[in-house]
Each structure stands twice: as C-alpha cells, then as structure tokens.
C-alpha atoms as a PDB file:
ATOM      1  CA  MET A   1       0.202  -3.673  15.156  1.00  0.00           C
ATOM      2  CA  VAL A   2       1.995  -6.713  14.910  1.00  0.00           C
ATOM      3  CA  GLN A   3      -0.192 -10.276  14.856  1.00  0.00           C
ATOM      4  CA  THR A   4       1.706 -12.968  16.437  1.00  0.00           C
ATOM      5  CA  SER A   5       0.160 -16.410  16.110  1.00  0.00           C
ATOM      6  CA  PRO A   6       0.200 -18.182  12.521  1.00  0.00           C
ATOM      7  CA  SER A   7      -0.769 -21.195  11.745  1.00  0.00           C
ATOM      8  CA  ALA A   8       1.292 -24.102  12.079  1.00  0.00           C
ATOM      9  CA  ASP A   9       2.593 -24.405   8.707  1.00  0.00           C
ATOM     10  CA  ALA A  10       4.491 -20.898   9.219  1.00  0.00           C
ATOM     11  CA  VAL A  11       7.345 -19.966   7.507  1.00  0.00           C
ATOM     12  CA  PRO A  12      10.397 -18.267   8.744  1.00  0.00           C
ATOM     13  CA  SER A  13      10.798 -14.387   7.749  1.00  0.00           C
ATOM     14  CA  LEU A  14      12.091 -14.013   4.064  1.00  0.00           C
ATOM     15  CA  PRO A  15      15.783 -15.251   3.461  1.00  0.00           C
ATOM     16  CA  PRO A  16      17.837 -12.744   0.471  1.00  0.00           C
ATOM     17  CA  GLY A  17      17.865 -13.200  -2.945  1.00  0.00           C
ATOM     18  CA  GLY A  18      14.505 -14.206  -4.216  1.00  0.00           C
ATOM     19  CA  ARG A  19      12.426 -13.003  -6.826  1.00  0.00           C
ATOM     20  CA  LEU A  20      10.151  -9.678  -6.434  1.00  0.00           C
ATOM     21  CA  LEU A  21       6.766  -9.214  -8.067  1.00  0.00           C
ATOM     22  CA  LEU A  22       5.983  -5.455  -8.141  1.00  0.00           C
ATOM     23  CA  THR A  23       1.871  -5.169  -9.289  1.00  0.00           C
ATOM     24  CA  GLY A  24       0.676  -2.391 -10.556  1.00  0.00           C
ATOM     25  CA  ALA A  25       4.317  -1.571 -11.923  1.00  0.00           C
ATOM     26  CA  ALA A  26       2.852   1.264 -14.816  1.00  0.00           C
ATOM     27  CA  GLY A  27       1.054   3.467 -12.056  1.00  0.00           C
ATOM     28  CA  THR A  28       2.847   6.575 -10.511  1.00  0.00           C
ATOM     29  CA  LEU A  29       3.943   4.705  -7.447  1.00  0.00           C
ATOM     30  CA  GLY A  30       4.878   1.799  -9.313  1.00  0.00           C
ATOM     31  CA  ARG A  31       7.203   3.675 -12.008  1.00  0.00           C
ATOM     32  CA  GLN A  32       8.864   5.497  -9.229  1.00  0.00           C
ATOM     33  CA  LEU A  33       9.404   2.341  -6.829  1.00  0.00           C
ATOM     34  CA  ALA A  34      10.647  -0.206  -9.792  1.00  0.00           C
ATOM     35  CA  PRO A  35      14.288   1.401  -9.963  1.00  0.00           C
ATOM     36  CA  THR A  36      14.406   1.422  -6.330  1.00  0.00           C
ATOM     37  CA  LEU A  37      13.213  -2.442  -6.107  1.00  0.00           C
ATOM     38  CA  ALA A  38      15.915  -3.046  -9.009  1.00  0.00           C
ATOM     39  CA  GLY A  39      18.570  -1.909  -6.836  1.00  0.00           C
ATOM     40  CA  THR A  40      18.273  -4.448  -4.195  1.00  0.00           C
ATOM     41  CA  GLY A  41      19.519  -7.480  -6.665  1.00  0.00           C
ATOM     42  CA  ARG A  42      17.034  -9.671  -6.700  1.00  0.00           C
ATOM     43  CA  PRO A  43      15.183 -10.675  -9.775  1.00  0.00           C
ATOM     44  CA  LEU A  44      12.230  -8.327 -10.478  1.00  0.00           C
ATOM     45  CA  ARG A  45       9.095  -8.916 -12.311  1.00  0.00           C
ATOM     46  CA  LEU A  46       7.152  -5.884 -13.240  1.00  0.00           C
ATOM     47  CA  SER A  47       3.291  -6.379 -13.425  1.00  0.00           C
ATOM     48  CA  ASP A  48       0.258  -4.294 -14.610  1.00  0.00           C
ATOM     49  CA  LEU A  49      -2.360  -4.502 -17.554  1.00  0.00           C
ATOM     50  CA  ALA A  50      -1.183  -4.899 -21.293  1.00  0.00           C
ATOM     51  CA  GLY A  51      -1.744  -1.542 -22.244  1.00  0.00           C
ATOM     52  CA  PRO A  52      -0.009   0.592 -19.418  1.00  0.00           C
ATOM     53  CA  LEU A  53       2.671  -2.321 -18.994  1.00  0.00           C
ATOM     54  CA  ALA A  54       4.003  -1.910 -22.579  1.00  0.00           C
ATOM     55  CA  HIS A  55       4.821   1.988 -22.436  1.00  0.00           C
ATOM     56  CA  MET A  56       6.299   1.243 -19.373  1.00  0.00           C
ATOM     57  CA  PRO A  57      10.729   1.631 -19.789  1.00  0.00           C
ATOM     58  CA  LEU A  58      12.058  -1.545 -17.591  1.00  0.00           C
ATOM     59  CA  PRO A  59      14.595  -0.940 -15.235  1.00  0.00           C
ATOM     60  CA  ALA A  60      17.745  -3.421 -16.313  1.00  0.00           C
ATOM     61  CA  GLY A  61      17.253  -6.719 -15.621  1.00  0.00           C
ATOM     62  CA  ALA A  62      13.834  -6.782 -15.132  1.00  0.00           C
ATOM     63  CA  GLU A  63      11.029  -8.543 -16.858  1.00  0.00           C
ATOM     64  CA  ALA A  64       7.227  -7.471 -17.546  1.00  0.00           C
ATOM     65  CA  MET A  65       4.320  -9.756 -17.282  1.00  0.00           C
ATOM     66  CA  PRO A  66       1.254  -8.469 -18.029  1.00  0.00           C
ATOM     67  CA  CYS A  67      -1.999  -9.833 -15.705  1.00  0.00           C
ATOM     68  CA  ASP A  68      -5.532  -8.679 -14.797  1.00  0.00           C
ATOM     69  CA  LEU A  69      -5.358  -9.242 -11.033  1.00  0.00           C
ATOM     70  CA  ALA A  70      -9.146 -10.392 -11.897  1.00  0.00           C
ATOM     71  CA  ASP A  71      -8.186 -13.238 -13.565  1.00  0.00           C
ATOM     72  CA  GLY A  72      -7.347 -15.748 -11.054  1.00  0.00           C
ATOM     73  CA  PRO A  73      -5.046 -18.549 -13.096  1.00  0.00           C
ATOM     74  CA  ALA A  74      -3.427 -16.093 -14.817  1.00  0.00           C
ATOM     75  CA  MET A  75      -2.425 -14.828 -11.100  1.00  0.00           C
ATOM     76  CA  CYS A  76      -1.009 -17.917 -10.216  1.00  0.00           C
ATOM     77  CA  ALA A  77       0.784 -18.083 -13.149  1.00  0.00           C
ATOM     78  CA  LEU A  78       2.271 -14.467 -12.494  1.00  0.00           C
ATOM     79  CA  MET A  79       3.113 -15.633  -8.966  1.00  0.00           C
ATOM     80  CA  ALA A  80       5.449 -18.436 -10.239  1.00  0.00           C
ATOM     81  CA  GLY A  81       8.702 -18.278  -8.646  1.00  0.00           C
ATOM     82  CA  VAL A  82       7.840 -15.450  -6.519  1.00  0.00           C
ATOM     83  CA  GLN A  83       9.395 -15.142  -3.090  1.00  0.00           C
ATOM     84  CA  ALA A  84       7.836 -11.246  -2.139  1.00  0.00           C
ATOM     85  CA  VAL A  85       5.481  -9.494  -3.676  1.00  0.00           C
ATOM     86  CA  VAL A  86       4.961  -5.429  -3.305  1.00  0.00           C
ATOM     87  CA  HIS A  87       1.499  -4.819  -4.449  1.00  0.00           C
ATOM     88  CA  LEU A  88       0.436  -1.533  -5.648  1.00  0.00           C
ATOM     89  CA  GLY A  89      -2.027  -2.725  -8.322  1.00  0.00           C
ATOM     90  CA  GLY A  90      -5.905  -2.014  -8.225  1.00  0.00           C
ATOM     91  CA  ILE A  91      -7.720   0.974  -8.474  1.00  0.00           C
ATOM     92  CA  ALA A  92      -6.379   3.949  -6.483  1.00  0.00           C
ATOM     93  CA  VAL A  93      -9.242   6.657  -6.078  1.00  0.00           C
ATOM     94  CA  GLU A  94     -12.739   6.779  -4.978  1.00  0.00           C
ATOM     95  CA  GLY A  95     -15.438   5.828  -7.407  1.00  0.00           C
ATOM     96  CA  PRO A  96     -18.500   3.187  -8.173  1.00  0.00           C
ATOM     97  CA  TYR A  97     -18.559  -0.157  -6.406  1.00  0.00           C
ATOM     98  CA  SER A  98     -18.420  -2.723  -9.637  1.00  0.00           C
ATOM     99  CA  PRO A  99     -14.997  -1.871 -10.918  1.00  0.00           C
ATOM    100  CA  ILE A 100     -13.353  -1.585  -7.279  1.00  0.00           C
ATOM    101  CA  LEU A 101     -14.825  -4.711  -6.565  1.00  0.00           C
ATOM    102  CA  ARG A 102     -13.527  -6.484  -9.741  1.00  0.00           C
ATOM    103  CA  ALA A 103      -9.903  -4.882  -8.888  1.00  0.00           C
ATOM    104  CA  ASN A 104      -9.558  -4.204  -5.148  1.00  0.00           C
ATOM    105  CA  ILE A 105     -11.608  -7.273  -3.689  1.00  0.00           C
ATOM    106  CA  ILE A 106     -11.826 -10.012  -6.502  1.00  0.00           C
ATOM    107  CA  GLY A 107      -7.832  -8.987  -6.956  1.00  0.00           C
ATOM    108  CA  VAL A 108      -6.542  -9.010  -3.655  1.00  0.00           C
ATOM    109  CA  TYR A 109      -8.417 -12.234  -3.190  1.00  0.00           C
ATOM    110  CA  ASN A 110      -6.522 -13.629  -6.192  1.00  0.00           C
ATOM    111  CA  LEU A 111      -3.189 -12.162  -5.332  1.00  0.00           C
ATOM    112  CA  TYR A 112      -3.019 -13.771  -1.666  1.00  0.00           C
ATOM    113  CA  GLU A 113      -4.655 -17.062  -3.330  1.00  0.00           C
ATOM    114  CA  ALA A 114      -1.863 -17.422  -5.807  1.00  0.00           C
ATOM    115  CA  ALA A 115       0.527 -16.532  -3.366  1.00  0.00           C
ATOM    116  CA  ARG A 116      -0.314 -19.584  -1.140  1.00  0.00           C
ATOM    117  CA  ARG A 117      -0.277 -21.638  -3.973  1.00  0.00           C
ATOM    118  CA  GLN A 118       2.963 -20.557  -5.202  1.00  0.00           C
ATOM    119  CA  GLY A 119       4.513 -20.159  -1.518  1.00  0.00           C
ATOM    120  CA  VAL A 120       5.392 -16.851  -1.632  1.00  0.00           C
ATOM    121  CA  ARG A 121       6.505 -15.445   1.544  1.00  0.00           C
ATOM    122  CA  ARG A 122       5.769 -12.057   2.002  1.00  0.00           C
ATOM    123  CA  VAL A 123       3.252  -9.273   0.693  1.00  0.00           C
ATOM    124  CA  VAL A 124       3.895  -5.565   1.030  1.00  0.00           C
ATOM    125  CA  PHE A 125       0.295  -4.046   0.521  1.00  0.00           C
ATOM    126  CA  ALA A 126      -0.628  -0.777  -0.468  1.00  0.00           C
ATOM    127  CA  SER A 127      -3.365  -0.216   1.663  1.00  0.00           C
ATOM    128  CA  SER A 128      -4.912   3.298   2.121  1.00  0.00           C
ATOM    129  CA  ASN A 129      -5.261   5.739   5.254  1.00  0.00           C
ATOM    130  CA  HIS A 130      -9.004   5.852   3.828  1.00  0.00           C
ATOM    131  CA  VAL A 131      -9.133   2.899   5.871  1.00  0.00           C
ATOM    132  CA  THR A 132      -9.470   5.436   8.560  1.00  0.00           C
ATOM    133  CA  GLY A 133     -10.737   8.734   6.280  1.00  0.00           C
ATOM    134  CA  GLY A 134     -13.907   9.157   8.686  1.00  0.00           C
ATOM    135  CA  TYR A 135     -11.942  10.436  11.401  1.00  0.00           C
ATOM    136  CA  GLY A 136     -11.898  14.073  11.739  1.00  0.00           C
ATOM    137  CA  VAL A 137      -8.580  16.476  11.530  1.00  0.00           C
ATOM    138  CA  GLU A 138      -8.516  16.976  14.971  1.00  0.00           C
ATOM    139  CA  ASP A 139      -8.233  13.582  15.963  1.00  0.00           C
ATOM    140  CA  THR A 140      -4.771  11.570  16.649  1.00  0.00           C
ATOM    141  CA  ILE A 141      -5.234   7.937  15.843  1.00  0.00           C
ATOM    142  CA  ASP A 142      -2.524   4.968  15.558  1.00  0.00           C
ATOM    143  CA  PRO A 143      -3.182   1.520  13.508  1.00  0.00           C
ATOM    144  CA  LEU A 144      -5.315  -0.311  16.370  1.00  0.00           C
ATOM    145  CA  ALA A 145      -8.138   2.801  16.114  1.00  0.00           C
ATOM    146  CA  PRO A 146     -11.295   1.001  14.875  1.00  0.00           C
ATOM    147  CA  PRO A 147     -11.558   1.503  10.875  1.00  0.00           C
ATOM    148  CA  ARG A 148     -13.668   3.883   9.762  1.00  0.00           C
ATOM    149  CA  PRO A 149     -13.767   4.143   6.018  1.00  0.00           C
ATOM    150  CA  ASP A 150     -14.463   6.917   3.846  1.00  0.00           C
ATOM    151  CA  GLY A 151     -16.214   5.371   0.830  1.00  0.00           C
ATOM    152  CA  HIS A 152     -15.925   1.886  -1.616  1.00  0.00           C
ATOM    153  CA  TYR A 153     -12.180   2.068  -2.160  1.00  0.00           C
ATOM    154  CA  GLY A 154     -11.446   2.651   1.686  1.00  0.00           C
ATOM    155  CA  ALA A 155     -13.411  -0.429   2.396  1.00  0.00           C
ATOM    156  CA  SER A 156     -11.804  -2.196  -0.509  1.00  0.00           C
ATOM    157  CA  LYS A 157      -8.492  -1.595   1.313  1.00  0.00           C
ATOM    158  CA  LEU A 158      -9.591  -3.018   4.705  1.00  0.00           C
ATOM    159  CA  TYR A 159     -11.131  -5.825   2.782  1.00  0.00           C
ATOM    160  CA  GLY A 160      -7.588  -6.130   1.542  1.00  0.00           C
ATOM    161  CA  GLU A 161      -6.225  -5.917   5.360  1.00  0.00           C
ATOM    162  CA  ALA A 162      -8.736  -8.429   6.200  1.00  0.00           C
ATOM    163  CA  LEU A 163      -7.023 -11.187   3.915  1.00  0.00           C
ATOM    164  CA  ALA A 164      -3.428 -10.350   4.881  1.00  0.00           C
ATOM    165  CA  GLN A 165      -4.591 -10.886   8.614  1.00  0.00           C
ATOM    166  CA  LEU A 166      -6.216 -14.431   7.541  1.00  0.00           C
ATOM    167  CA  TYR A 167      -3.500 -15.488   5.122  1.00  0.00           C
ATOM    168  CA  TRP A 168      -1.070 -14.888   7.863  1.00  0.00           C
ATOM    169  CA  GLN A 169      -3.304 -16.480  10.687  1.00  0.00           C
ATOM    170  CA  ARG A 170      -4.224 -19.631   8.386  1.00  0.00           C
ATOM    171  CA  HIS A 171      -1.040 -20.100   5.808  1.00  0.00           C
ATOM    172  CA  GLY A 172       2.043 -18.284   7.036  1.00  0.00           C
ATOM    173  CA  ILE A 173       2.118 -15.571   4.455  1.00  0.00           C
ATOM    174  CA  GLU A 174       3.692 -12.314   6.220  1.00  0.00           C
ATOM    175  CA  SER A 175       2.219  -8.833   5.093  1.00  0.00           C
ATOM    176  CA  VAL A 176       2.869  -5.517   5.898  1.00  0.00           C
ATOM    177  CA  CYS A 177       0.115  -3.549   5.335  1.00  0.00           C
ATOM    178  CA  LEU A 178       0.870   0.166   4.440  1.00  0.00           C
ATOM    179  CA  ARG A 179      -1.788   2.954   4.787  1.00  0.00           C
ATOM    180  CA  ILE A 180      -0.116   5.213   2.398  1.00  0.00           C
ATOM    181  CA  GLY A 181      -0.735   8.915   2.640  1.00  0.00           C
ATOM    182  CA  THR A 182      -0.197  11.429   0.453  1.00  0.00           C
ATOM    183  CA  ALA A 183       2.133  10.314  -2.157  1.00  0.00           C
ATOM    184  CA  GLU A 184       3.325  12.821  -4.186  1.00  0.00           C
ATOM    185  CA  PRO A 185       6.309  15.037  -4.622  1.00  0.00           C
ATOM    186  CA  LEU A 186       5.778  17.679  -2.809  1.00  0.00           C
ATOM    187  CA  PRO A 187       2.541  18.195  -0.470  1.00  0.00           C
ATOM    188  CA  PRO A 188      -0.060  19.783  -2.978  1.00  0.00           C
ATOM    189  CA  ASP A 189      -2.661  21.285  -0.119  1.00  0.00           C
ATOM    190  CA  ARG A 190      -3.197  21.918   3.582  1.00  0.00           C
ATOM    191  CA  ARG A 191      -4.254  18.418   4.142  1.00  0.00           C
ATOM    192  CA  ALA A 192      -0.970  16.896   3.026  1.00  0.00           C
ATOM    193  CA  LEU A 193       0.739  19.146   5.867  1.00  0.00           C
ATOM    194  CA  ALA A 194      -0.647  16.197   7.879  1.00  0.00           C
ATOM    195  CA  SER A 195      -0.966  13.190   5.341  1.00  0.00           C
ATOM    196  CA  TRP A 196       2.079  13.472   2.725  1.00  0.00           C
ATOM    197  CA  ILE A 197       5.128  11.146   2.576  1.00  0.00           C
ATOM    198  CA  SER A 198       8.161  11.887   0.635  1.00  0.00           C
ATOM    199  CA  PRO A 199       9.468   9.968  -2.433  1.00  0.00           C
ATOM    200  CA  ARG A 200      12.669   8.906  -0.518  1.00  0.00           C
ATOM    201  CA  ASP A 201      10.713   8.089   2.696  1.00  0.00           C
ATOM    202  CA  LEU A 202       8.178   5.940   0.728  1.00  0.00           C
ATOM    203  CA  GLN A 203      10.849   3.860  -0.740  1.00  0.00           C
ATOM    204  CA  GLN A 204      12.434   3.879   2.107  1.00  0.00           C
ATOM    205  CA  LEU A 205       9.054   2.330   4.050  1.00  0.00           C
ATOM    206  CA  VAL A 206       8.575   0.055   0.883  1.00  0.00           C
ATOM    207  CA  LEU A 207      12.283  -1.760   1.405  1.00  0.00           C
ATOM    208  CA  CYS A 208      11.870  -1.818   5.175  1.00  0.00           C
ATOM    209  CA  ALA A 209       8.960  -3.812   4.707  1.00  0.00           C
ATOM    210  CA  LEU A 210      10.477  -6.576   2.707  1.00  0.00           C
ATOM    211  CA  ARG A 211      13.406  -6.377   4.929  1.00  0.00           C
ATOM    212  CA  ALA A 212      12.471  -6.328   8.488  1.00  0.00           C
ATOM    213  CA  PRO A 213      12.053 -10.057   9.994  1.00  0.00           C
ATOM    214  CA  ASP A 214       9.264 -11.591  12.106  1.00  0.00           C
ATOM    215  CA  VAL A 215       6.746  -8.996  10.898  1.00  0.00           C
ATOM    216  CA  GLY A 216       3.934 -11.481  11.166  1.00  0.00           C
ATOM    217  CA  CYS A 217       1.003  -9.348   9.800  1.00  0.00           C
ATOM    218  CA  LEU A 218       1.570  -5.499  10.387  1.00  0.00           C
ATOM    219  CA  VAL A 219      -0.532  -2.412   9.860  1.00  0.00           C
ATOM    220  CA  THR A 220       0.481   1.069   9.836  1.00  0.00           C
ATOM    221  CA  TYR A 221       0.560   4.376   8.211  1.00  0.00           C
ATOM    222  CA  GLY A 222       2.834   5.310   5.430  1.00  0.00           C
ATOM    223  CA  CYS A 223       3.940   9.167   5.960  1.00  0.00           C
ATOM    224  CA  SER A 224       6.808  11.442   6.400  1.00  0.00           C
ATOM    225  CA  ARG A 225       7.662  12.629  10.057  1.00  0.00           C
ATOM    226  CA  ASN A 226       5.338  15.570   9.845  1.00  0.00           C
ATOM    227  CA  ARG A 227       4.866  17.635  12.888  1.00  0.00           C
ATOM    228  CA  ARG A 228       0.925  17.918  11.919  1.00  0.00           C
ATOM    229  CA  ALA A 229       0.567  14.227  11.088  1.00  0.00           C
ATOM    230  CA  TRP A 230      -2.731  12.395  12.166  1.00  0.00           C
ATOM    231  CA  TRP A 231      -0.958   8.821  12.622  1.00  0.00           C
ATOM    232  CA  ARG A 232       1.110   7.791  15.894  1.00  0.00           C
ATOM    233  CA  CYS A 233       2.911   5.068  14.593  1.00  0.00           C
ATOM    234  CA  ASP A 234       6.123   5.264  16.603  1.00  0.00           C
ATOM    235  CA  GLU A 235       5.964   1.476  17.703  1.00  0.00           C
ATOM    236  CA  SER A 236       5.226  -0.198  13.971  1.00  0.00           C
ATOM    237  CA  TRP A 237       7.773   2.265  12.505  1.00  0.00           C
ATOM    238  CA  ALA A 238      10.436   0.937  15.036  1.00  0.00           C
ATOM    239  CA  ARG A 239       9.317  -2.777  14.342  1.00  0.00           C
ATOM    240  CA  LEU A 240      10.014  -2.072  10.515  1.00  0.00           C
ATOM    241  CA  GLY A 241      13.251  -0.111  11.053  1.00  0.00           C
ATOM    242  CA  TYR A 242      11.197   2.697   8.855  1.00  0.00           C
ATOM    243  CA  GLU A 243      13.052   6.433   9.959  1.00  0.00           C
ATOM    244  CA  PRO A 244      11.397   9.035   7.744  1.00  0.00           C
ATOM    245  CA  GLN A 245      13.573  11.804   6.755  1.00  0.00           C
ATOM    246  CA  ASP A 246      11.471  14.580   5.872  1.00  0.00           C
ATOM    247  CA  ASP A 247       8.885  17.073   7.447  1.00  0.00           C
ATOM    248  CA  ALA A 248       5.840  18.589   5.368  1.00  0.00           C
ATOM    249  CA  GLU A 249       6.316  21.373   7.268  1.00  0.00           C
ATOM    250  CA  ALA A 250       9.305  22.325   5.166  1.00  0.00           C
ATOM    251  CA  HIS A 251       6.754  23.154   2.493  1.00  0.00           C
ATOM    252  CA  VAL A 252       4.520  24.820   4.298  1.00  0.00           C
ATOM    253  CA  ASP A 253       5.424  28.392   2.480  1.00  0.00           C
ATOM    254  CA  ALA A 254       4.865  27.242  -0.814  1.00  0.00           C
ATOM    255  CA  VAL A 255       1.427  25.296   0.177  1.00  0.00           C
ATOM    256  CA  GLY A 256       0.180  28.552   1.684  1.00  0.00           C
ATOM    257  CA  GLU A 257      -3.542  28.884   1.878  1.00  0.00           C
ATOM    258  CA  ARG A 258      -4.788  25.582  -0.475  1.00  0.00           C
ATOM    259  CA  TRP A 259      -7.313  24.553   1.286  1.00  0.00           C
ATOM    260  CA  LEU A 260      -9.902  21.988   0.416  1.00  0.00           C
ATOM    261  CA  PRO A 261     -13.502  23.397  -0.202  1.00  0.00           C
ATOM    262  CA  GLU A 262     -15.923  23.608   3.416  1.00  0.00           C
ATOM    263  CA  GLY A 263     -17.813  20.534   4.255  1.00  0.00           C
ATOM    264  CA  PRO A 264     -16.390  16.917   5.001  1.00  0.00           C
ATOM    265  CA  GLN A 265     -13.568  16.993   2.666  1.00  0.00           C
ATOM    266  CA  ARG A 266     -11.708  19.735   5.141  1.00  0.00           C
ATOM    267  CA  ASP A 267     -13.154  18.566   8.108  1.00  0.00           C
ATOM    268  CA  LEU A 268     -12.151  14.385   7.834  1.00  0.00           C
ATOM    269  CA  GLN A 269      -9.192  12.921   7.392  1.00  0.00           C
ATOM    270  CA  GLY A 270     -10.245  11.224   3.687  1.00  0.00           C
ATOM    271  CA  GLY A 271      -9.966  14.744   2.275  1.00  0.00           C
ATOM    272  CA  ARG A 272     -11.273  14.999  -1.599  1.00  0.00           C
ATOM    273  CA  PHE A 273     -12.789  11.026  -1.516  1.00  0.00           C
ATOM    274  CA  LEU A 274     -15.436  12.444   1.157  1.00  0.00           C
ATOM    275  CA  ALA A 275     -16.805  14.657  -1.639  1.00  0.00           C
ATOM    276  CA  ILE A 276     -16.613  11.995  -4.504  1.00  0.00           C
ATOM    277  CA  GLY A 277     -20.086   9.944  -4.945  1.00  0.00           C
ATOM    278  CA  PRO A 278     -22.579   8.451  -4.233  1.00  0.00           C
ATOM    279  CA  PHE A 279     -23.050   6.634  -7.090  1.00  0.00           C
ATOM    280  CA  ASP A 280     -25.805   4.887  -9.345  1.00  0.00           C
ATOM    281  CA  ASP A 281     -23.754   1.815 -10.821  1.00  0.00           C
END
C-alpha cells in the first residue's frame, strides 16, 4: 500500500551517505540488525535506554546515544544530523496500557515530531502483525485489509502507522511500516509456519525499506516466503525490491505438533497475545 499525495514541502527519496539512527538497538532485533546497518557504510547511531545500551557491543564505527522515547527534548537531540531512522524502540509485547502509552504512543509521536524538526528524510517503522491479529487463521489478507488489532500493543502500532501517514501527508517524511511477523531464528510453533521471518530475510527487508526510492508511506508485512502465509504482499514487496529467500515449511518436521492451546490464541492470527489480559492498570 503506497500513499502518493505528500505535502507541498515533500522531499525526494533518500540519497546515499547520511547518518542512520537505530532505536531499540539493545533489543533482540536491534542487536541482530546493528551489524547489518553498520555494513551500509553510513555513519550509524545506536539508541536505547541507558542500562541496556551500556551492555551492548558496538559495531565498528557506530556511536551510542542513550535516550528515553518519552522524553521529547532528548529525542530531538537524538535526531540531530540524522537522515533516516530504523525505529525498533518501544514495548514489543502485549501488556498493560500505561507503559505502552509511554513507549509506543507518546514515544512514536516524539520520534516523528523530532524527525520533522531535524529534517529526517525517512523512517522505517517496526509495526507489527498484531495490527491485524484479530483475523482468523483461515483468512488471507493484504496490507489494505481493515485493521483488527488484538490488544493494546497492536493498537499502539496502528497509531504509529497513522502518524507515519500524517507526517508523510503534511511534512513529506517517507515511511515504510513493517508489520513484522515471528522474527526468530527458527519457527517456534505451528503458528509460525505462517508468520515467520528468518534473520536474513529481516535484514534484507530493512535494507530494502531504507533504499527503495519514492516509497511515500508504505505498509507491508514482514515475513519470509512461507507457503502457509496469511498475508499477500506481492505488490508492496515488489515496490521495495524485497525477495525473501526462506520458507518456514523447511522446518515443519522440527516444529512437529507444537500447537498453541485451544481458544482465540489458536484460532486468530494474533496467537499468544490473545491470551494476555485484560489488565487492571
């Protein structure tokens, strides 16, 4: 899905050579992607909360700059001199609303507002398949399907996608919103035979999202070329130049009969997140 109606002050696509920022750098995916981004030849700035970031090994040439997403002025300083952002920061699991509000809603607003103020050209936003986790496992959908978030976390990612569209429409900041699936080294269960994205496919997808020209505001799913996939993304993947190399079906024997418990977590695409909550904040 590509939106092609920017504001009058829109900028052209991302030129080579500018500084990259990776938020959430000390998380599981951040540690995986940091060496890949360092290998692009662009100056790389890594950010996360101070504690986790202090224990992260830095790729050669990268700089570390701790920051709390909920701190607006600090986010603006973090963005100084940055051309493009890979935004993995925030809470990545279903949970009570208040922490998700701070990290994923206030935090993503601060990110886009800092991007506007500092002249950032592109954001690769780690959205989530949980934006549509309320669809059944028998459904096949594409990025244009109406959202059906499966919890507070999925709803917060939907808000981030809405901000991406707003800041493209009003301020010409290009975004690629990646509804990332099960990003683990191997598919952990039967659900992941549909939703898995291999490490090398994730790395390729993020690089494509940074490099593809004229993306506007594009939403797509992040998974490997799984024959059981719930998501049809041929058009948006072609737009990015993403050609996944792996298929979860290669691991079907290792997965065996590891099913989720019966109920919504097995019947709906959101999986385990459907079994978490409700919460009394």
